[in-house]
């Protein structure tokens, strides 16, 4: 079912997962121990029904099909795994190294999205 959607809709679905995941992780300060897949899915469902352009382009029969839900769960896991496996850029690592020197403490981060969060949070202080 998912594979039958237009490429634009599939890209929009992936983008909505990424957007909400990064927002959710920022909300919990990227503390993995606070992560709840159930809470994330609730936020994602709210986002797609109120803000995602793709949601109204998918037929209600498809959205109600259990197979589609399984495929969406798989897509969510795939997208989250991809985000978590993206290495930080050299610029991000350099920026965080400079922050660590300035603050005199180690700043943990594990992926590009978390590095972006750490840098943005530090720049807001």
PDB file of N, CA and C in Angstrom:
ATOM      1  N   UNK A   1       0.818  -1.191   0.000  1.00  0.00           N
ATOM      2  CA  UNK A   1       0.000   0.000   0.000  1.00  0.00           C
ATOM      3  C   UNK A   1       0.866   1.260   0.000  1.00  0.00           C
ATOM      4  N   UNK A   2       1.836   1.300   0.920  1.00  0.00           N
ATOM      5  CA  UNK A   2       2.721   2.465   0.989  1.00  0.00           C
ATOM      6  C   UNK A   2       3.461   2.642  -0.327  1.00  0.00           C
ATOM      7  N   UNK A   3       3.942   1.523  -0.884  1.00  0.00           N
ATOM      8  CA  UNK A   3       4.721   1.594  -2.125  1.00  0.00           C
ATOM      9  C   UNK A   3       3.885   2.104  -3.294  1.00  0.00           C
ATOM     10  N   UNK A   4       2.562   2.007  -3.190  1.00  0.00           N
ATOM     11  CA  UNK A   4       1.681   2.461  -4.261  1.00  0.00           C
ATOM     12  C   UNK A   4       1.385   3.964  -4.210  1.00  0.00           C
ATOM     13  N   UNK A   5       1.779   4.619  -3.134  1.00  0.00           N
ATOM     14  CA  UNK A   5       1.549   6.059  -3.022  1.00  0.00           C
ATOM     15  C   UNK A   5       2.506   6.800  -3.955  1.00  0.00           C
ATOM     16  N   UNK A   6       2.149   8.007  -4.310  1.00  0.00           N
ATOM     17  CA  UNK A   6       3.025   8.811  -5.180  1.00  0.00           C
ATOM     18  C   UNK A   6       4.318   9.120  -4.428  1.00  0.00           C
ATOM     19  N   UNK A   7       5.370   9.372  -5.180  1.00  0.00           N
ATOM     20  CA  UNK A   7       6.660   9.661  -4.540  1.00  0.00           C
ATOM     21  C   UNK A   7       6.567  10.922  -3.683  1.00  0.00           C
ATOM     22  N   UNK A   8       5.782  11.897  -4.118  1.00  0.00           N
ATOM     23  CA  UNK A   8       5.614  13.121  -3.336  1.00  0.00           C
ATOM     24  C   UNK A   8       4.974  12.863  -1.986  1.00  0.00           C
ATOM     25  N   UNK A   9       3.973  12.009  -1.961  1.00  0.00           N
ATOM     26  CA  UNK A   9       3.305  11.658  -0.702  1.00  0.00           C
ATOM     27  C   UNK A   9       4.267  10.875   0.189  1.00  0.00           C
ATOM     28  N   UNK A  10       5.015   9.935  -0.399  1.00  0.00           N
ATOM     29  CA  UNK A  10       5.972   9.159   0.403  1.00  0.00           C
ATOM     30  C   UNK A  10       7.043  10.060   1.007  1.00  0.00           C
ATOM     31  N   UNK A  11       7.525  11.015   0.236  1.00  0.00           N
ATOM     32  CA  UNK A  11       8.525  11.967   0.751  1.00  0.00           C
ATOM     33  C   UNK A  11       7.920  12.800   1.873  1.00  0.00           C
ATOM     34  N   UNK A  12       6.674  13.241   1.689  1.00  0.00           N
ATOM     35  CA  UNK A  12       6.002  14.040   2.716  1.00  0.00           C
ATOM     36  C   UNK A  12       5.786  13.242   3.998  1.00  0.00           C
ATOM     37  N   UNK A  13       5.475  11.979   3.872  1.00  0.00           N
ATOM     38  CA  UNK A  13       5.304  11.126   5.047  1.00  0.00           C
ATOM     39  C   UNK A  13       6.621  11.034   5.810  1.00  0.00           C
ATOM     40  N   UNK A  14       7.692  10.770   5.082  1.00  0.00           N
ATOM     41  CA  UNK A  14       9.006  10.665   5.721  1.00  0.00           C
ATOM     42  C   UNK A  14       9.382  11.981   6.389  1.00  0.00           C
ATOM     43  N   UNK A  15       9.139  13.075   5.710  1.00  0.00           N
ATOM     44  CA  UNK A  15       9.454  14.395   6.264  1.00  0.00           C
ATOM     45  C   UNK A  15       8.640  14.648   7.529  1.00  0.00           C
ATOM     46  N   UNK A  16       7.374  14.249   7.535  1.00  0.00           N
ATOM     47  CA  UNK A  16       6.555  14.468   8.734  1.00  0.00           C
ATOM     48  C   UNK A  16       7.076  13.651   9.911  1.00  0.00           C
ATOM     49  N   UNK A  17       7.523  12.442   9.645  1.00  0.00           N
ATOM     50  CA  UNK A  17       8.100  11.614  10.715  1.00  0.00           C
ATOM     51  C   UNK A  17       9.357  12.282  11.260  1.00  0.00           C
ATOM     52  N   UNK A  18      10.236  12.718  10.371  1.00  0.00           N
ATOM     53  CA  UNK A  18      11.488  13.361  10.784  1.00  0.00           C
ATOM     54  C   UNK A  18      11.224  14.629  11.586  1.00  0.00           C
ATOM     55  N   UNK A  19      10.332  15.460  11.085  1.00  0.00           N
ATOM     56  CA  UNK A  19      10.013  16.722  11.752  1.00  0.00           C
ATOM     57  C   UNK A  19       9.511  16.485  13.167  1.00  0.00           C
ATOM     58  N   UNK A  20       8.552  15.594  13.299  1.00  0.00           N
ATOM     59  CA  UNK A  20       7.958  15.349  14.610  1.00  0.00           C
ATOM     60  C   UNK A  20       8.956  14.644  15.529  1.00  0.00           C
ATOM     61  N   UNK A  21       9.739  13.715  14.994  1.00  0.00           N
ATOM     62  CA  UNK A  21      10.722  13.027  15.833  1.00  0.00           C
ATOM     63  C   UNK A  21      11.726  14.025  16.405  1.00  0.00           C
ATOM     64  N   UNK A  22      12.270  14.891  15.561  1.00  0.00           N
ATOM     65  CA  UNK A  22      13.250  15.856  16.052  1.00  0.00           C
ATOM     66  C   UNK A  22      12.617  16.833  17.038  1.00  0.00           C
ATOM     67  N   UNK A  23      11.398  17.253  16.775  1.00  0.00           N
ATOM     68  CA  UNK A  23      10.689  18.137  17.709  1.00  0.00           C
ATOM     69  C   UNK A  23      10.447  17.417  19.036  1.00  0.00           C
ATOM     70  N   UNK A  24       9.991  16.182  18.971  1.00  0.00           N
ATOM     71  CA  UNK A  24       9.732  15.398  20.187  1.00  0.00           C
ATOM     72  C   UNK A  24      11.020  15.206  20.986  1.00  0.00           C
ATOM     73  N   UNK A  25      12.115  14.866  20.318  1.00  0.00           N
ATOM     74  CA  UNK A  25      13.380  14.649  21.013  1.00  0.00           C
ATOM     75  C   UNK A  25      13.868  15.951  21.657  1.00  0.00           C
ATOM     76  N   UNK A  26      13.666  17.083  20.998  1.00  0.00           N
ATOM     77  CA  UNK A  26      14.041  18.362  21.596  1.00  0.00           C
ATOM     78  C   UNK A  26      13.198  18.626  22.841  1.00  0.00           C
ATOM     79  N   UNK A  27      11.940  18.267  22.759  1.00  0.00           N
ATOM     80  CA  UNK A  27      11.019  18.455  23.876  1.00  0.00           C
ATOM     81  C   UNK A  27      11.479  17.683  25.115  1.00  0.00           C
ATOM     82  N   UNK A  28      12.101  16.529  24.899  1.00  0.00           N
ATOM     83  CA  UNK A  28      12.591  15.727  26.029  1.00  0.00           C
ATOM     84  C   UNK A  28      14.112  15.870  26.195  1.00  0.00           C
ATOM     85  N   UNK A  29      14.673  16.936  25.604  1.00  0.00           N
ATOM     86  CA  UNK A  29      16.114  17.234  25.688  1.00  0.00           C
ATOM     87  C   UNK A  29      16.998  16.083  25.244  1.00  0.00           C
ATOM     88  N   UNK A  30      16.538  15.344  24.275  1.00  0.00           N
ATOM     89  CA  UNK A  30      17.289  14.218  23.713  1.00  0.00           C
ATOM     90  C   UNK A  30      17.707  13.205  24.783  1.00  0.00           C
ATOM     91  N   UNK A  31      16.929  13.099  25.842  1.00  0.00           N
ATOM     92  CA  UNK A  31      17.202  12.118  26.897  1.00  0.00           C
ATOM     93  C   UNK A  31      16.519  10.809  26.513  1.00  0.00           C
ATOM     94  N   UNK A  32      17.328   9.866  26.066  1.00  0.00           N
ATOM     95  CA  UNK A  32      16.787   8.597  25.573  1.00  0.00           C
ATOM     96  C   UNK A  32      15.933   7.881  26.609  1.00  0.00           C
ATOM     97  N   UNK A  33      16.269   8.033  27.882  1.00  0.00           N
ATOM     98  CA  UNK A  33      15.501   7.360  28.940  1.00  0.00           C
ATOM     99  C   UNK A  33      14.071   7.906  29.038  1.00  0.00           C
ATOM    100  N   UNK A  34      13.842   9.100  28.520  1.00  0.00           N
ATOM    101  CA  UNK A  34      12.509   9.693  28.548  1.00  0.00           C
ATOM    102  C   UNK A  34      11.703   9.399  27.282  1.00  0.00           C
ATOM    103  N   UNK A  35      12.342   8.759  26.303  1.00  0.00           N
ATOM    104  CA  UNK A  35      11.660   8.490  25.034  1.00  0.00           C
ATOM    105  C   UNK A  35      10.537   7.474  25.224  1.00  0.00           C
ATOM    106  N   UNK A  36       9.402   7.778  24.636  1.00  0.00           N
ATOM    107  CA  UNK A  36       8.258   6.868  24.635  1.00  0.00           C
ATOM    108  C   UNK A  36       7.721   6.812  23.207  1.00  0.00           C
ATOM    109  N   UNK A  37       7.773   5.635  22.616  1.00  0.00           N
ATOM    110  CA  UNK A  37       7.251   5.486  21.256  1.00  0.00           C
ATOM    111  C   UNK A  37       5.775   5.851  21.220  1.00  0.00           C
ATOM    112  N   UNK A  38       5.051   5.488  22.258  1.00  0.00           N
ATOM    113  CA  UNK A  38       3.622   5.801  22.299  1.00  0.00           C
ATOM    114  C   UNK A  38       3.399   7.315  22.290  1.00  0.00           C
ATOM    115  N   UNK A  39       4.166   8.047  23.088  1.00  0.00           N
ATOM    116  CA  UNK A  39       4.024   9.508  23.132  1.00  0.00           C
ATOM    117  C   UNK A  39       4.422  10.125  21.798  1.00  0.00           C
ATOM    118  N   UNK A  40       5.490   9.601  21.195  1.00  0.00           N
ATOM    119  CA  UNK A  40       5.901  10.098  19.894  1.00  0.00           C
ATOM    120  C   UNK A  40       4.795   9.890  18.861  1.00  0.00           C
ATOM    121  N   UNK A  41       4.217   8.703  18.831  1.00  0.00           N
ATOM    122  CA  UNK A  41       3.171   8.396  17.847  1.00  0.00           C
ATOM    123  C   UNK A  41       1.955   9.303  18.056  1.00  0.00           C
ATOM    124  N   UNK A  42       1.603   9.577  19.295  1.00  0.00           N
ATOM    125  CA  UNK A  42       0.487  10.492  19.573  1.00  0.00           C
ATOM    126  C   UNK A  42       0.791  11.873  18.981  1.00  0.00           C
ATOM    127  N   UNK A  43       2.018  12.361  19.200  1.00  0.00           N
ATOM    128  CA  UNK A  43       2.398  13.665  18.637  1.00  0.00           C
ATOM    129  C   UNK A  43       2.407  13.631  17.116  1.00  0.00           C
ATOM    130  N   UNK A  44       2.892  12.533  16.552  1.00  0.00           N
ATOM    131  CA  UNK A  44       2.928  12.415  15.097  1.00  0.00           C
ATOM    132  C   UNK A  44       1.513  12.393  14.525  1.00  0.00           C
ATOM    133  N   UNK A  45       0.620  11.647  15.157  1.00  0.00           N
ATOM    134  CA  UNK A  45      -0.764  11.588  14.675  1.00  0.00           C
ATOM    135  C   UNK A  45      -1.432  12.959  14.739  1.00  0.00           C
ATOM    136  N   UNK A  46      -1.168  13.694  15.800  1.00  0.00           N
ATOM    137  CA  UNK A  46      -1.728  15.046  15.903  1.00  0.00           C
ATOM    138  C   UNK A  46      -1.164  15.937  14.796  1.00  0.00           C
ATOM    139  N   UNK A  47       0.130  15.840  14.567  1.00  0.00           N
ATOM    140  CA  UNK A  47       0.775  16.651  13.538  1.00  0.00           C
ATOM    141  C   UNK A  47       0.206  16.336  12.146  1.00  0.00           C
ATOM    142  N   UNK A  48       0.095  15.064  11.818  1.00  0.00           N
ATOM    143  CA  UNK A  48      -0.339  14.728  10.458  1.00  0.00           C
ATOM    144  C   UNK A  48      -1.784  15.126  10.196  1.00  0.00           C
ATOM    145  N   UNK A  49      -2.623  15.067  11.232  1.00  0.00           N
ATOM    146  CA  UNK A  49      -4.022  15.434  11.007  1.00  0.00           C
ATOM    147  C   UNK A  49      -4.219  16.941  10.943  1.00  0.00           C
ATOM    148  N   UNK A  50      -3.303  17.719  11.559  1.00  0.00           N
ATOM    149  CA  UNK A  50      -3.469  19.169  11.592  1.00  0.00           C
ATOM    150  C   UNK A  50      -2.543  19.926  10.645  1.00  0.00           C
ATOM    151  N   UNK A  51      -1.378  19.337  10.306  1.00  0.00           N
ATOM    152  CA  UNK A  51      -0.376  20.116   9.580  1.00  0.00           C
ATOM    153  C   UNK A  51       0.186  19.460   8.324  1.00  0.00           C
ATOM    154  N   UNK A  52       0.062  18.157   8.183  1.00  0.00           N
ATOM    155  CA  UNK A  52       0.713  17.468   7.064  1.00  0.00           C
ATOM    156  C   UNK A  52      -0.171  17.504   5.818  1.00  0.00           C
ATOM    157  N   UNK A  53       0.413  17.998   4.741  1.00  0.00           N
ATOM    158  CA  UNK A  53      -0.340  18.115   3.490  1.00  0.00           C
ATOM    159  C   UNK A  53      -0.690  16.756   2.900  1.00  0.00           C
ATOM    160  N   UNK A  54       0.126  15.742   3.168  1.00  0.00           N
ATOM    161  CA  UNK A  54      -0.100  14.429   2.569  1.00  0.00           C
ATOM    162  C   UNK A  54      -1.322  13.722   3.147  1.00  0.00           C
ATOM    163  N   UNK A  55      -1.694  14.036   4.375  1.00  0.00           N
ATOM    164  CA  UNK A  55      -2.722  13.263   5.063  1.00  0.00           C
ATOM    165  C   UNK A  55      -4.054  13.262   4.317  1.00  0.00           C
ATOM    166  N   UNK A  56      -4.439  14.392   3.778  1.00  0.00           N
ATOM    167  CA  UNK A  56      -5.715  14.478   3.051  1.00  0.00           C
ATOM    168  C   UNK A  56      -5.620  13.925   1.636  1.00  0.00           C
ATOM    169  N   UNK A  57      -4.412  13.629   1.182  1.00  0.00           N
ATOM    170  CA  UNK A  57      -4.226  13.076  -0.159  1.00  0.00           C
ATOM    171  C   UNK A  57      -4.323  11.551  -0.176  1.00  0.00           C
ATOM    172  N   UNK A  58      -4.310  10.942   1.012  1.00  0.00           N
ATOM    173  CA  UNK A  58      -4.396   9.479   1.105  1.00  0.00           C
ATOM    174  C   UNK A  58      -5.845   9.106   1.405  1.00  0.00           C
ATOM    175  N   UNK A  59      -6.377   8.208   0.621  1.00  0.00           N
ATOM    176  CA  UNK A  59      -7.762   7.763   0.745  1.00  0.00           C
ATOM    177  C   UNK A  59      -8.025   7.206   2.150  1.00  0.00           C
ATOM    178  N   UNK A  60      -9.196   7.481   2.693  1.00  0.00           N
ATOM    179  CA  UNK A  60      -9.559   7.000   4.029  1.00  0.00           C
ATOM    180  C   UNK A  60      -9.549   5.481   4.130  1.00  0.00           C
ATOM    181  N   UNK A  61      -9.888   4.792   3.032  1.00  0.00           N
ATOM    182  CA  UNK A  61      -9.847   3.323   3.052  1.00  0.00           C
ATOM    183  C   UNK A  61      -8.419   2.823   3.280  1.00  0.00           C
ATOM    184  N   UNK A  62      -7.461   3.501   2.674  1.00  0.00           N
ATOM    185  CA  UNK A  62      -6.052   3.129   2.860  1.00  0.00           C
ATOM    186  C   UNK A  62      -5.634   3.443   4.291  1.00  0.00           C
ATOM    187  N   UNK A  63      -5.951   4.643   4.774  1.00  0.00           N
ATOM    188  CA  UNK A  63      -5.567   5.043   6.131  1.00  0.00           C
ATOM    189  C   UNK A  63      -6.176   4.129   7.189  1.00  0.00           C
ATOM    190  N   UNK A  64      -7.306   3.530   6.906  1.00  0.00           N
ATOM    191  CA  UNK A  64      -7.959   2.645   7.868  1.00  0.00           C
ATOM    192  C   UNK A  64      -7.529   1.197   7.765  1.00  0.00           C
ATOM    193  N   UNK A  65      -6.731   0.870   6.771  1.00  0.00           N
ATOM    194  CA  UNK A  65      -6.318  -0.515   6.540  1.00  0.00           C
ATOM    195  C   UNK A  65      -5.190  -0.918   7.500  1.00  0.00           C
ATOM    196  N   UNK A  66      -5.355  -2.045   8.209  1.00  0.00           N
ATOM    197  CA  UNK A  66      -4.315  -2.504   9.142  1.00  0.00           C
ATOM    198  C   UNK A  66      -2.946  -2.701   8.470  1.00  0.00           C
ATOM    199  N   UNK A  67      -2.939  -3.136   7.221  1.00  0.00           N
ATOM    200  CA  UNK A  67      -1.671  -3.311   6.508  1.00  0.00           C
ATOM    201  C   UNK A  67      -0.960  -1.963   6.353  1.00  0.00           C
ATOM    202  N   UNK A  68      -1.717  -0.920   6.056  1.00  0.00           N
ATOM    203  CA  UNK A  68      -1.128   0.413   5.943  1.00  0.00           C
ATOM    204  C   UNK A  68      -0.524   0.841   7.281  1.00  0.00           C
ATOM    205  N   UNK A  69      -1.207   0.532   8.373  1.00  0.00           N
ATOM    206  CA  UNK A  69      -0.684   0.874   9.701  1.00  0.00           C
ATOM    207  C   UNK A  69       0.619   0.133   9.977  1.00  0.00           C
ATOM    208  N   UNK A  70       0.702  -1.122   9.575  1.00  0.00           N
ATOM    209  CA  UNK A  70       1.948  -1.885   9.736  1.00  0.00           C
ATOM    210  C   UNK A  70       3.067  -1.257   8.913  1.00  0.00           C
ATOM    211  N   UNK A  71       2.746  -0.880   7.688  1.00  0.00           N
ATOM    212  CA  UNK A  71       3.745  -0.256   6.824  1.00  0.00           C
ATOM    213  C   UNK A  71       4.183   1.093   7.382  1.00  0.00           C
ATOM    214  N   UNK A  72       3.255   1.837   7.967  1.00  0.00           N
ATOM    215  CA  UNK A  72       3.606   3.122   8.567  1.00  0.00           C
ATOM    216  C   UNK A  72       4.504   2.908   9.791  1.00  0.00           C
ATOM    217  N   UNK A  73       4.212   1.907  10.591  1.00  0.00           N
ATOM    218  CA  UNK A  73       5.061   1.607  11.750  1.00  0.00           C
ATOM    219  C   UNK A  73       6.477   1.271  11.295  1.00  0.00           C
ATOM    220  N   UNK A  74       6.575   0.498  10.231  1.00  0.00           N
ATOM    221  CA  UNK A  74       7.876   0.162   9.667  1.00  0.00           C
ATOM    222  C   UNK A  74       8.589   1.406   9.156  1.00  0.00           C
ATOM    223  N   UNK A  75       7.857   2.296   8.482  1.00  0.00           N
ATOM    224  CA  UNK A  75       8.440   3.534   7.956  1.00  0.00           C
ATOM    225  C   UNK A  75       8.910   4.435   9.097  1.00  0.00           C
ATOM    226  N   UNK A  76       8.139   4.489  10.170  1.00  0.00           N
ATOM    227  CA  UNK A  76       8.540   5.277  11.340  1.00  0.00           C
ATOM    228  C   UNK A  76       9.858   4.740  11.892  1.00  0.00           C
ATOM    229  N   UNK A  77       9.939   3.424  12.093  1.00  0.00           N
ATOM    230  CA  UNK A  77      11.170   2.827  12.622  1.00  0.00           C
ATOM    231  C   UNK A  77      12.352   3.073  11.695  1.00  0.00           C
ATOM    232  N   UNK A  78      12.136   2.901  10.411  1.00  0.00           N
ATOM    233  CA  UNK A  78      13.193   3.115   9.418  1.00  0.00           C
ATOM    234  C   UNK A  78      13.686   4.566   9.449  1.00  0.00           C
ATOM    235  N   UNK A  79      12.764   5.506   9.515  1.00  0.00           N
ATOM    236  CA  UNK A  79      13.120   6.925   9.509  1.00  0.00           C
ATOM    237  C   UNK A  79      13.865   7.307  10.791  1.00  0.00           C
ATOM    238  N   UNK A  80      13.387   6.837  11.926  1.00  0.00           N
ATOM    239  CA  UNK A  80      14.058   7.125  13.196  1.00  0.00           C
ATOM    240  C   UNK A  80      15.465   6.527  13.194  1.00  0.00           C
ATOM    241  N   UNK A  81      15.593   5.293  12.733  1.00  0.00           N
ATOM    242  CA  UNK A  81      16.922   4.660  12.674  1.00  0.00           C
ATOM    243  C   UNK A  81      17.865   5.439  11.774  1.00  0.00           C
ATOM    244  N   UNK A  82      17.350   5.947  10.665  1.00  0.00           N
ATOM    245  CA  UNK A  82      18.184   6.735   9.757  1.00  0.00           C
ATOM    246  C   UNK A  82      18.653   8.017  10.434  1.00  0.00           C
ATOM    247  N   UNK A  83      17.752   8.709  11.118  1.00  0.00           N
ATOM    248  CA  UNK A  83      18.113   9.945  11.823  1.00  0.00           C
ATOM    249  C   UNK A  83      19.186   9.658  12.858  1.00  0.00           C
ATOM    250  N   UNK A  84      19.000   8.594  13.624  1.00  0.00           N
ATOM    251  CA  UNK A  84      19.931   8.272  14.706  1.00  0.00           C
ATOM    252  C   UNK A  84      21.283   7.780  14.206  1.00  0.00           C
ATOM    253  N   UNK A  85      21.343   7.350  12.963  1.00  0.00           N
ATOM    254  CA  UNK A  85      22.612   6.837  12.432  1.00  0.00           C
ATOM    255  C   UNK A  85      23.380   7.863  11.600  1.00  0.00           C
ATOM    256  N   UNK A  86      22.792   9.033  11.366  1.00  0.00           N
ATOM    257  CA  UNK A  86      23.483  10.067  10.586  1.00  0.00           C
ATOM    258  C   UNK A  86      24.584  10.697  11.433  1.00  0.00           C
ATOM    259  N   UNK A  87      25.808  10.588  10.954  1.00  0.00           N
ATOM    260  CA  UNK A  87      26.961  11.141  11.661  1.00  0.00           C
ATOM    261  C   UNK A  87      26.898  12.663  11.678  1.00  0.00           C
ATOM    262  N   UNK A  88      27.320  13.279  12.794  1.00  0.00           N
ATOM    263  CA  UNK A  88      27.407  14.739  12.824  1.00  0.00           C
ATOM    264  C   UNK A  88      28.410  15.220  11.782  1.00  0.00           C
ATOM    265  N   UNK A  89      28.200  16.423  11.288  1.00  0.00           N
ATOM    266  CA  UNK A  89      29.136  16.995  10.329  1.00  0.00           C
ATOM    267  C   UNK A  89      30.408  17.423  11.073  1.00  0.00           C
ATOM    268  N   UNK A  90      31.460  17.616  10.321  1.00  0.00           N
ATOM    269  CA  UNK A  90      32.709  18.093  10.935  1.00  0.00           C
ATOM    270  C   UNK A  90      32.494  19.461  11.574  1.00  0.00           C
ATOM    271  N   UNK A  91      31.725  20.311  10.909  1.00  0.00           N
ATOM    272  CA  UNK A  91      31.439  21.639  11.457  1.00  0.00           C
ATOM    273  C   UNK A  91      30.703  21.533  12.795  1.00  0.00           C
ATOM    274  N   UNK A  92      29.733  20.629  12.877  1.00  0.00           N
ATOM    275  CA  UNK A  92      29.020  20.436  14.136  1.00  0.00           C
ATOM    276  C   UNK A  92      29.971  19.956  15.228  1.00  0.00           C
ATOM    277  N   UNK A  93      30.832  18.999  14.891  1.00  0.00           N
ATOM    278  CA  UNK A  93      31.773  18.479  15.890  1.00  0.00           C
ATOM    279  C   UNK A  93      32.729  19.580  16.354  1.00  0.00           C
ATOM    280  N   UNK A  94      33.175  20.420  15.425  1.00  0.00           N
ATOM    281  CA  UNK A  94      34.048  21.535  15.783  1.00  0.00           C
ATOM    282  C   UNK A  94      33.313  22.536  16.682  1.00  0.00           C
ATOM    283  N   UNK A  95      32.069  22.844  16.331  1.00  0.00           N
ATOM    284  CA  UNK A  95      31.275  23.773  17.145  1.00  0.00           C
ATOM    285  C   UNK A  95      31.066  23.235  18.556  1.00  0.00           C
ATOM    286  N   UNK A  96      30.776  21.950  18.661  1.00  0.00           N
ATOM    287  CA  UNK A  96      30.551  21.357  19.984  1.00  0.00           C
ATOM    288  C   UNK A  96      31.856  21.296  20.770  1.00  0.00           C
ATOM    289  N   UNK A  97      32.955  21.004  20.101  1.00  0.00           N
ATOM    290  CA  UNK A  97      34.259  21.003  20.766  1.00  0.00           C
ATOM    291  C   UNK A  97      34.550  22.396  21.342  1.00  0.00           C
ATOM    292  N   UNK A  98      34.238  23.444  20.586  1.00  0.00           N
ATOM    293  CA  UNK A  98      34.433  24.815  21.063  1.00  0.00           C
ATOM    294  C   UNK A  98      33.518  25.114  22.252  1.00  0.00           C
ATOM    295  N   UNK A  99      32.285  24.633  22.195  1.00  0.00           N
ATOM    296  CA  UNK A  99      31.364  24.810  23.321  1.00  0.00           C
ATOM    297  C   UNK A  99      31.877  24.098  24.565  1.00  0.00           C
ATOM    298  N   UNK A 100      32.390  22.892  24.373  1.00  0.00           N
ATOM    299  CA  UNK A 100      32.932  22.133  25.501  1.00  0.00           C
ATOM    300  C   UNK A 100      34.094  22.883  26.142  1.00  0.00           C
ATOM    301  N   UNK A 101      34.971  23.454  25.322  1.00  0.00           N
ATOM    302  CA  UNK A 101      36.113  24.221  25.843  1.00  0.00           C
ATOM    303  C   UNK A 101      35.619  25.451  26.604  1.00  0.00           C
ATOM    304  N   UNK A 102      34.619  26.120  26.054  1.00  0.00           N
ATOM    305  CA  UNK A 102      34.061  27.322  26.676  1.00  0.00           C
ATOM    306  C   UNK A 102      33.390  27.001  28.005  1.00  0.00           C
ATOM    307  N   UNK A 103      32.642  25.898  28.035  1.00  0.00           N
ATOM    308  CA  UNK A 103      31.890  25.537  29.235  1.00  0.00           C
ATOM    309  C   UNK A 103      32.698  24.695  30.226  1.00  0.00           C
ATOM    310  N   UNK A 104      33.797  24.129  29.745  1.00  0.00           N
ATOM    311  CA  UNK A 104      34.628  23.290  30.614  1.00  0.00           C
ATOM    312  C   UNK A 104      33.996  21.956  30.963  1.00  0.00           C
ATOM    313  N   UNK A 105      33.142  21.464  30.078  1.00  0.00           N
ATOM    314  CA  UNK A 105      32.524  20.152  30.323  1.00  0.00           C
ATOM    315  C   UNK A 105      32.214  19.472  28.996  1.00  0.00           C
ATOM    316  N   UNK A 106      32.111  18.154  29.068  1.00  0.00           N
ATOM    317  CA  UNK A 106      31.791  17.369  27.881  1.00  0.00           C
ATOM    318  C   UNK A 106      30.302  17.466  27.583  1.00  0.00           C
ATOM    319  N   UNK A 107      29.985  17.611  26.311  1.00  0.00           N
ATOM    320  CA  UNK A 107      28.594  17.690  25.878  1.00  0.00           C
ATOM    321  C   UNK A 107      28.306  16.444  25.043  1.00  0.00           C
ATOM    322  N   UNK A 108      27.485  15.538  25.562  1.00  0.00           N
ATOM    323  CA  UNK A 108      27.206  14.310  24.805  1.00  0.00           C
ATOM    324  C   UNK A 108      26.258  14.550  23.627  1.00  0.00           C
ATOM    325  N   UNK A 109      26.528  13.856  22.550  1.00  0.00           N
ATOM    326  CA  UNK A 109      25.659  13.863  21.371  1.00  0.00           C
ATOM    327  C   UNK A 109      26.033  12.634  20.552  1.00  0.00           C
ATOM    328  N   UNK A 110      25.068  12.128  19.802  1.00  0.00           N
ATOM    329  CA  UNK A 110      25.355  10.888  19.086  1.00  0.00           C
ATOM    330  C   UNK A 110      25.033  10.907  17.601  1.00  0.00           C
ATOM    331  N   UNK A 111      24.304  11.908  17.143  1.00  0.00           N
ATOM    332  CA  UNK A 111      23.936  11.940  15.732  1.00  0.00           C
ATOM    333  C   UNK A 111      23.830  13.384  15.262  1.00  0.00           C
ATOM    334  N   UNK A 112      23.671  13.569  13.978  1.00  0.00           N
ATOM    335  CA  UNK A 112      23.605  14.902  13.383  1.00  0.00           C
ATOM    336  C   UNK A 112      22.451  15.726  13.960  1.00  0.00           C
ATOM    337  N   UNK A 113      21.289  15.133  14.105  1.00  0.00           N
ATOM    338  CA  UNK A 113      20.131  15.865  14.616  1.00  0.00           C
ATOM    339  C   UNK A 113      20.340  16.288  16.065  1.00  0.00           C
ATOM    340  N   UNK A 114      20.915  15.416  16.866  1.00  0.00           N
ATOM    341  CA  UNK A 114      21.172  15.766  18.263  1.00  0.00           C
ATOM    342  C   UNK A 114      22.256  16.842  18.346  1.00  0.00           C
ATOM    343  N   UNK A 115      23.269  16.760  17.508  1.00  0.00           N
ATOM    344  CA  UNK A 115      24.311  17.783  17.475  1.00  0.00           C
ATOM    345  C   UNK A 115      23.696  19.136  17.124  1.00  0.00           C
ATOM    346  N   UNK A 116      22.808  19.159  16.145  1.00  0.00           N
ATOM    347  CA  UNK A 116      22.127  20.400  15.760  1.00  0.00           C
ATOM    348  C   UNK A 116      21.350  20.959  16.954  1.00  0.00           C
ATOM    349  N   UNK A 117      20.662  20.085  17.682  1.00  0.00           N
ATOM    350  CA  UNK A 117      19.906  20.497  18.862  1.00  0.00           C
ATOM    351  C   UNK A 117      20.833  21.099  19.922  1.00  0.00           C
ATOM    352  N   UNK A 118      21.950  20.425  20.204  1.00  0.00           N
ATOM    353  CA  UNK A 118      22.892  20.883  21.225  1.00  0.00           C
ATOM    354  C   UNK A 118      23.431  22.278  20.860  1.00  0.00           C
ATOM    355  N   UNK A 119      23.785  22.453  19.604  1.00  0.00           N
ATOM    356  CA  UNK A 119      24.325  23.737  19.156  1.00  0.00           C
ATOM    357  C   UNK A 119      23.269  24.836  19.238  1.00  0.00           C
ATOM    358  N   UNK A 120      22.055  24.536  18.766  1.00  0.00           N
ATOM    359  CA  UNK A 120      20.972  25.536  18.810  1.00  0.00           C
ATOM    360  C   UNK A 120      20.642  25.914  20.250  1.00  0.00           C
ATOM    361  N   UNK A 121      20.595  24.922  21.115  1.00  0.00           N
ATOM    362  CA  UNK A 121      20.278  25.181  22.535  1.00  0.00           C
ATOM    363  C   UNK A 121      21.357  26.051  23.171  1.00  0.00           C
ATOM    364  N   UNK A 122      22.620  25.760  22.871  1.00  0.00           N
ATOM    365  CA  UNK A 122      23.729  26.542  23.423  1.00  0.00           C
ATOM    366  C   UNK A 122      23.694  27.977  22.902  1.00  0.00           C
ATOM    367  N   UNK A 123      23.327  28.162  21.653  1.00  0.00           N
ATOM    368  CA  UNK A 123      23.274  29.506  21.069  1.00  0.00           C
ATOM    369  C   UNK A 123      22.104  30.328  21.582  1.00  0.00           C
ATOM    370  N   UNK A 124      21.103  29.667  22.150  1.00  0.00           N
ATOM    371  CA  UNK A 124      19.958  30.384  22.708  1.00  0.00           C
ATOM    372  C   UNK A 124      20.251  30.881  24.118  1.00  0.00           C
ATOM    373  N   UNK A 125      21.271  30.320  24.748  1.00  0.00           N
ATOM    374  CA  UNK A 125      21.600  30.698  26.129  1.00  0.00           C
ATOM    375  C   UNK A 125      22.296  32.023  26.206  1.00  0.00           C
TER     376      UNK A 125
END
